[in-house]
Amino acid sequence: MFLARAGYLNLWLGPGARVTTDHKAGCFVVESRAFPEITFRADVLLRARVPKASPDEDRSRLTRRLIERGLIRPYRNDGADIGGIEVDPSLRIVTAAGRVLPNAWALGTVCEGATFYTYIVPRPHVNSTALVDAWRSVDALFREARETKDSRPHRISDDAFLPMMTETGACLTEQMSPRC
């Protein structure tokens, strides 16, 4: 924030800023589309952003199959593609049909967009959001497992989900399985 206050860094250009060069002055000119009255001139231009986690662009076999089977969907905020997959407030995965999976959670960059904490590095003795969310998810998983202990083991979503997960090298079940 000190660089911004000193006038060396501008964070207020909004989305979709346009960059041109002023060859005569030997500098970059950045114009805001969101705020047309704002123009910023700079000698150096850094593209300093973290690319969004986009399930639609993810090439991993696991993500592709989860999307194909409707087990995850990209997170959208009022129609805008923000990035990541959709999760509910307790980080449970939301399917393409809008159903919350009661026993499947997503944490980290995969749900960046629906959450906004994954850039924070957890530190000892601090209630980091990332650590608190991980604890809550694991606590809910064990609570769910205890409540269904006497019932038949069941898969996270449907019959196609577990074989697909084990085929891609991941194993997500509520109970330990010889496949895991």
Protein backbone atom coordinates (compact mmCIF):
# COMPACT_ATOMS: atom_id res chain seq x y z
CA MET A 1 0.00 0.00 0.00
CA PHE A 2 2.98 2.30 0.58
CA LEU A 3 3.88 2.18 -3.12
CA ALA A 4 0.33 3.16 -4.04
CA ARG A 5 0.27 6.02 -1.53
CA ALA A 6 3.59 7.28 -2.87
CA GLY A 7 2.22 7.27 -6.42
CA TYR A 8 4.38 4.40 -7.71
CA LEU A 9 1.60 1.85 -7.95
CA ASN A 10 -1.92 2.27 -9.25
CA LEU A 11 -4.53 -0.28 -8.26
CA TRP A 12 -7.63 1.68 -9.18
CA LEU A 13 -7.98 1.17 -12.93
CA GLY A 14 -10.72 -1.46 -12.69
CA PRO A 15 -11.26 -4.45 -14.98
CA GLY A 16 -10.45 -4.41 -18.69
CA ALA A 17 -7.86 -1.62 -18.58
CA ARG A 18 -6.35 -0.78 -21.99
CA VAL A 19 -2.60 -0.34 -22.42
CA THR A 20 -0.98 1.62 -25.25
CA THR A 21 2.46 3.08 -25.75
CA ASP A 22 3.33 6.72 -26.15
CA HIS A 23 6.44 6.42 -28.33
CA LYS A 24 7.13 10.15 -28.25
CA ALA A 25 7.19 10.26 -24.43
CA GLY A 26 8.68 6.75 -24.15
CA CYS A 27 6.10 5.43 -21.69
CA PHE A 28 3.06 3.23 -21.31
CA VAL A 29 -0.40 4.74 -21.11
CA VAL A 30 -3.01 2.77 -19.19
CA GLU A 31 -6.64 3.81 -19.59
CA SER A 32 -9.44 2.56 -17.42
CA ARG A 33 -12.58 1.30 -19.15
CA ALA A 34 -14.47 1.25 -15.86
CA PHE A 35 -13.41 4.81 -15.01
CA PRO A 36 -12.82 6.70 -18.31
CA GLU A 37 -11.57 9.77 -16.46
CA ILE A 38 -8.58 7.81 -15.12
CA THR A 39 -5.40 7.58 -17.21
CA PHE A 40 -2.08 6.40 -15.84
CA ARG A 41 1.34 6.87 -17.43
CA ALA A 42 4.22 4.58 -16.48
CA ASP A 43 7.84 3.91 -17.42
CA VAL A 44 7.54 0.28 -16.34
CA LEU A 45 4.53 -1.97 -16.60
CA LEU A 46 4.29 -5.22 -14.64
CA ARG A 47 1.60 -7.76 -15.26
CA ALA A 48 1.29 -8.85 -11.66
CA ARG A 49 -1.81 -10.95 -11.34
CA VAL A 50 -2.52 -14.52 -10.43
CA PRO A 51 -4.39 -16.33 -13.20
CA LYS A 52 -7.79 -17.59 -12.14
CA ALA A 53 -8.40 -21.26 -11.57
CA SER A 54 -10.73 -22.07 -14.45
CA PRO A 55 -12.32 -25.52 -14.53
CA ASP A 56 -13.39 -24.92 -18.14
CA GLU A 57 -9.75 -24.47 -19.14
CA ASP A 58 -8.24 -27.05 -16.78
CA ARG A 59 -6.65 -29.88 -18.77
CA SER A 60 -6.49 -32.37 -15.92
CA ARG A 61 -8.35 -35.57 -16.61
CA LEU A 62 -10.01 -35.47 -13.20
CA THR A 63 -11.48 -32.00 -13.71
CA ARG A 64 -12.61 -32.80 -17.26
CA ARG A 65 -14.42 -35.95 -16.09
CA LEU A 66 -16.03 -34.19 -13.12
CA ILE A 67 -17.41 -31.51 -15.46
CA GLU A 68 -18.55 -34.09 -18.06
CA ARG A 69 -20.46 -35.99 -15.39
CA GLY A 70 -22.00 -32.87 -13.91
CA LEU A 71 -20.34 -33.35 -10.53
CA ILE A 72 -18.84 -29.86 -10.48
CA ARG A 73 -19.64 -26.59 -12.19
CA PRO A 74 -17.71 -23.38 -12.69
CA TYR A 75 -18.44 -20.65 -10.17
CA ARG A 76 -20.29 -17.69 -11.64
CA ASN A 77 -21.11 -14.44 -9.87
CA ASP A 78 -24.16 -12.84 -11.43
CA GLY A 79 -23.28 -14.54 -14.72
CA ALA A 80 -19.61 -13.48 -14.68
CA ASP A 81 -17.00 -16.25 -14.82
CA ILE A 82 -14.97 -15.54 -11.69
CA GLY A 83 -12.97 -18.77 -11.67
CA GLY A 84 -12.89 -21.92 -9.60
CA ILE A 85 -15.70 -24.36 -8.96
CA GLU A 86 -18.86 -23.57 -7.07
CA VAL A 87 -19.04 -24.52 -3.42
CA ASP A 88 -21.60 -23.66 -0.75
CA PRO A 89 -20.64 -21.60 2.35
CA SER A 90 -19.44 -24.77 4.10
CA LEU A 91 -17.23 -25.57 1.06
CA ARG A 92 -19.34 -28.52 -0.07
CA ILE A 93 -19.23 -29.02 -3.84
CA VAL A 94 -22.20 -27.83 -5.91
CA THR A 95 -23.07 -30.00 -8.94
CA ALA A 96 -24.01 -28.79 -12.42
CA ALA A 97 -27.66 -29.34 -11.42
CA GLY A 98 -27.21 -27.03 -8.42
CA ARG A 99 -27.33 -29.84 -5.85
CA VAL A 100 -24.94 -29.62 -2.90
CA LEU A 101 -23.01 -32.86 -2.39
CA PRO A 102 -23.41 -33.61 1.32
CA ASN A 103 -20.10 -35.44 1.62
CA ALA A 104 -17.67 -33.78 -0.81
CA TRP A 105 -15.70 -30.61 -0.07
CA ALA A 106 -13.32 -28.46 -2.09
CA LEU A 107 -10.57 -26.32 -0.61
CA GLY A 108 -7.81 -24.19 -2.06
CA THR A 109 -7.32 -22.75 -5.50
CA VAL A 110 -9.87 -25.11 -7.06
CA CYS A 111 -12.62 -23.03 -5.45
CA GLU A 112 -10.91 -19.64 -5.68
CA GLY A 113 -13.65 -17.31 -6.82
CA ALA A 114 -16.32 -18.69 -4.52
CA THR A 115 -13.77 -18.20 -1.73
CA PHE A 116 -11.16 -15.52 -1.33
CA TYR A 117 -8.43 -16.70 0.95
CA THR A 118 -6.14 -19.08 -0.84
CA TYR A 119 -3.43 -16.50 -1.45
CA ILE A 120 -2.89 -16.21 2.32
CA VAL A 121 -0.07 -18.33 3.68
CA PRO A 122 -1.13 -19.91 6.99
CA ARG A 123 1.11 -19.01 9.93
CA PRO A 124 1.53 -20.73 13.30
CA HIS A 125 -0.74 -19.53 16.12
CA VAL A 126 -3.00 -17.57 13.76
CA ASN A 127 -6.55 -18.54 12.88
CA SER A 128 -5.90 -18.43 9.16
CA THR A 129 -9.09 -18.76 7.10
CA ALA A 130 -7.48 -21.56 5.08
CA LEU A 131 -6.71 -23.59 8.22
CA VAL A 132 -10.10 -22.89 9.81
CA ASP A 133 -11.90 -23.96 6.62
CA ALA A 134 -9.81 -27.13 6.42
CA TRP A 135 -10.61 -27.95 10.06
CA ARG A 136 -14.35 -27.33 9.53
CA SER A 137 -14.41 -29.54 6.43
CA VAL A 138 -12.58 -32.41 8.12
CA ASP A 139 -14.76 -32.05 11.23
CA ALA A 140 -17.91 -32.23 9.08
CA LEU A 141 -16.52 -35.26 7.22
CA PHE A 142 -15.94 -37.18 10.47
CA ARG A 143 -19.27 -36.07 11.93
CA GLU A 144 -21.02 -37.33 8.77
CA ALA A 145 -19.07 -40.60 8.95
CA ARG A 146 -20.08 -41.14 12.60
CA GLU A 147 -23.74 -40.42 11.82
CA THR A 148 -23.79 -42.92 8.95
CA LYS A 149 -21.51 -45.47 10.65
CA ASP A 150 -24.21 -48.11 10.92
CA SER A 151 -25.59 -47.61 7.42
CA ARG A 152 -24.20 -48.99 4.18
CA PRO A 153 -21.07 -47.23 2.92
CA HIS A 154 -22.00 -44.93 0.08
CA ARG A 155 -20.17 -43.10 -2.63
CA ILE A 156 -19.79 -39.36 -2.76
CA SER A 157 -22.27 -38.88 -5.56
CA ASP A 158 -23.27 -41.67 -7.91
CA ASP A 159 -22.08 -45.04 -9.18
CA ALA A 160 -19.95 -43.39 -11.86
CA PHE A 161 -18.09 -41.10 -9.49
CA LEU A 162 -15.91 -43.47 -7.45
CA PRO A 163 -14.67 -45.60 -10.37
CA MET A 164 -13.85 -42.41 -12.25
CA MET A 165 -11.96 -41.02 -9.26
CA THR A 166 -9.90 -44.17 -8.71
CA GLU A 167 -9.21 -44.40 -12.45
CA THR A 168 -7.61 -40.94 -12.34
CA GLY A 169 -5.50 -41.73 -9.30
CA ALA A 170 -7.66 -40.08 -6.65
CA CYS A 171 -9.81 -41.86 -4.13
CA LEU A 172 -12.61 -40.09 -2.32
CA THR A 173 -14.72 -42.28 -0.08
CA GLU A 174 -16.06 -41.80 3.39
CA GLN A 175 -14.57 -45.01 4.68
CA MET A 176 -11.20 -46.60 4.10
CA SER A 177 -11.31 -48.89 1.13
CA PRO A 178 -8.80 -51.37 -0.31
CA ARG A 179 -8.85 -49.18 -3.43
CA CYS A 180 -7.44 -46.16 -1.56
